Structures are given as structure tokens and as C-alpha cells.
Protein backbone atom coordinates (compact mmCIF):
# COMPACT_ATOMS: atom_id res chain seq x y z
CA MET A 1 48.93 73.32 94.69
CA ASP A 2 46.33 71.10 93.01
CA ILE A 3 42.94 72.43 92.07
CA ASN A 4 40.14 69.93 91.72
CA ILE A 5 37.37 70.96 89.38
CA ASP A 6 34.08 69.11 89.13
CA ASN A 7 33.37 69.29 85.39
CA SER A 8 29.70 68.38 85.76
CA GLN A 9 29.20 71.17 88.27
CA VAL A 10 30.96 73.63 85.94
CA GLN A 11 28.78 72.52 83.02
CA ASN A 12 25.62 72.93 85.12
CA GLN A 13 26.64 76.44 86.16
CA VAL A 14 27.49 77.43 82.57
CA GLN A 15 24.17 76.01 81.36
CA LYS A 16 22.33 78.04 84.02
CA MET A 17 24.14 81.23 82.96
CA ILE A 18 23.40 80.65 79.27
CA ASN A 19 19.73 79.97 79.99
CA ALA A 20 19.45 83.02 82.26
CA ASN A 21 20.85 85.26 79.53
CA ARG A 22 18.65 83.65 76.88
CA TYR A 23 15.62 84.21 79.08
CA LYS A 24 16.46 87.92 79.40
CA VAL A 25 16.70 88.13 75.60
CA TYR A 26 13.41 86.24 75.29
CA GLN A 27 11.69 88.66 77.67
CA TYR A 28 12.98 91.63 75.70
CA ASP A 29 11.93 90.11 72.35
CA ASP A 30 8.48 89.29 73.75
CA LYS A 31 8.06 92.85 75.01
CA ILE A 32 8.98 94.19 71.55
CA GLN A 33 6.47 91.84 69.90
CA LYS A 34 3.73 93.03 72.28
CA SER A 35 4.52 96.62 71.32
CA LYS A 36 4.38 95.69 67.62
CA GLU A 37 1.02 94.06 68.17
CA GLU A 38 -0.34 97.20 69.82
CA LEU A 39 0.98 99.44 67.03
CA LEU A 40 0.60 97.27 63.94
CA GLY A 41 -1.91 94.63 64.94
CA SER A 42 0.46 91.77 64.13
CA ARG A 43 2.64 89.67 66.36
CA GLN A 44 5.30 87.04 65.75
CA GLU A 45 5.44 84.25 68.30
CA ILE A 46 8.72 84.19 70.20
CA LYS A 47 10.11 80.90 71.52
CA PHE A 48 12.47 80.43 74.43
CA ASN A 49 15.25 78.05 73.39
CA LYS A 50 16.91 76.48 76.40
CA CYS A 51 20.52 75.37 76.23
CA ASP A 52 20.49 71.59 76.46
CA LYS A 53 23.28 69.15 77.31
CA GLU A 54 23.97 68.40 73.63
CA GLU A 55 24.55 72.07 72.85
CA LEU A 56 26.59 72.49 76.02
CA ASN A 57 28.82 69.56 75.07
CA LYS A 58 29.83 71.40 71.91
CA LEU A 59 31.69 73.89 74.11
CA SER A 60 35.19 73.05 75.25
CA PHE A 61 36.03 74.36 78.70
CA ALA A 62 39.59 73.04 78.62
CA ASN A 63 40.41 74.64 75.27
CA PRO A 64 37.81 77.31 74.51
CA LYS A 65 37.54 78.65 70.99
CA ALA A 66 35.81 81.85 69.99
CA THR A 67 34.30 80.06 67.00
CA ALA A 68 32.37 77.63 69.20
CA MET A 69 30.50 80.48 70.89
CA ASN A 70 30.14 82.34 67.60
CA GLU A 71 28.41 79.35 66.05
CA MET A 72 25.72 79.64 68.72
CA VAL A 73 24.74 83.16 67.57
CA GLN A 74 22.80 83.08 64.32
CA THR A 75 20.70 85.56 62.38
CA PRO A 76 17.57 86.30 64.45
CA SER A 77 14.50 84.43 63.19
CA ASN A 78 12.39 87.60 63.04
CA PHE A 79 14.95 89.30 60.78
CA LYS A 80 13.65 89.30 57.22
CA GLY A 81 16.78 89.19 55.10
CA THR A 82 20.30 87.85 55.01
CA LEU A 83 23.17 89.24 57.02
CA LYS A 84 26.52 89.55 55.32
CA ASN A 85 29.51 87.95 57.02
CA TYR A 86 30.76 91.21 58.51
CA GLN A 87 27.26 91.98 59.85
CA LEU A 88 26.97 88.54 61.44
CA LYS A 89 30.44 89.00 62.92
CA GLY A 90 29.27 92.31 64.41
CA LEU A 91 26.15 90.63 65.80
CA ARG A 92 28.33 87.99 67.46
CA TRP A 93 30.58 90.70 68.87
CA LEU A 94 27.55 92.48 70.34
CA ASP A 95 26.30 89.21 71.81
CA ASN A 96 29.71 88.70 73.39
CA LEU A 97 29.38 92.12 75.09
CA TYR A 98 26.01 91.19 76.58
């Protein structure tokens, strides 16, 4: 039995899923920043970073690697400090659960 897979359709669906999840994170971060503004009077601008074709092409659907996805998760920009390797690994693990 042969299965025909349209790679461009798969990439479009994956891109939509990534962007949907990123938008949920953006909404949460924006809500937190609004709360900070109400409490502290300061607010950090949050940007919504869409997954583009270039970023999507870095992922291999035929031979997926955990490191490719892990490279996409970096220290949050509003975090003031440096995460150690084991902390960044934990952050990536948490992102994988979401």
C-alpha cells in the first residue's frame, strides 16, 4: 500500500499549528504584561513572532531530530539573566509538553 504525502500541505499545516501555539503564548504574555502595568506601572512590549518558511525549512519531517525543535526554544526575552544549560533544557522540555 502506497501512501502519497503532499509535503507542501504538511508544511502548511505544521506552520499553522506552530503559529497557533505561538499566538496562545503571545496572548498569555500580553495578559501578564498588562497585569504588571496595572501593579507596577511599567510594561514591556511583547511581539508576536510568526513561523516563516525559512524557519519551517529548518525542520526535517522525514528525519526529525529533537535538537531542531530545541533550537527554536530560547531564553525568553523578558527574562533578565542567563539560564544554565540544565535550566534551558528544562524550559525546552516544558515547551515540548505544551
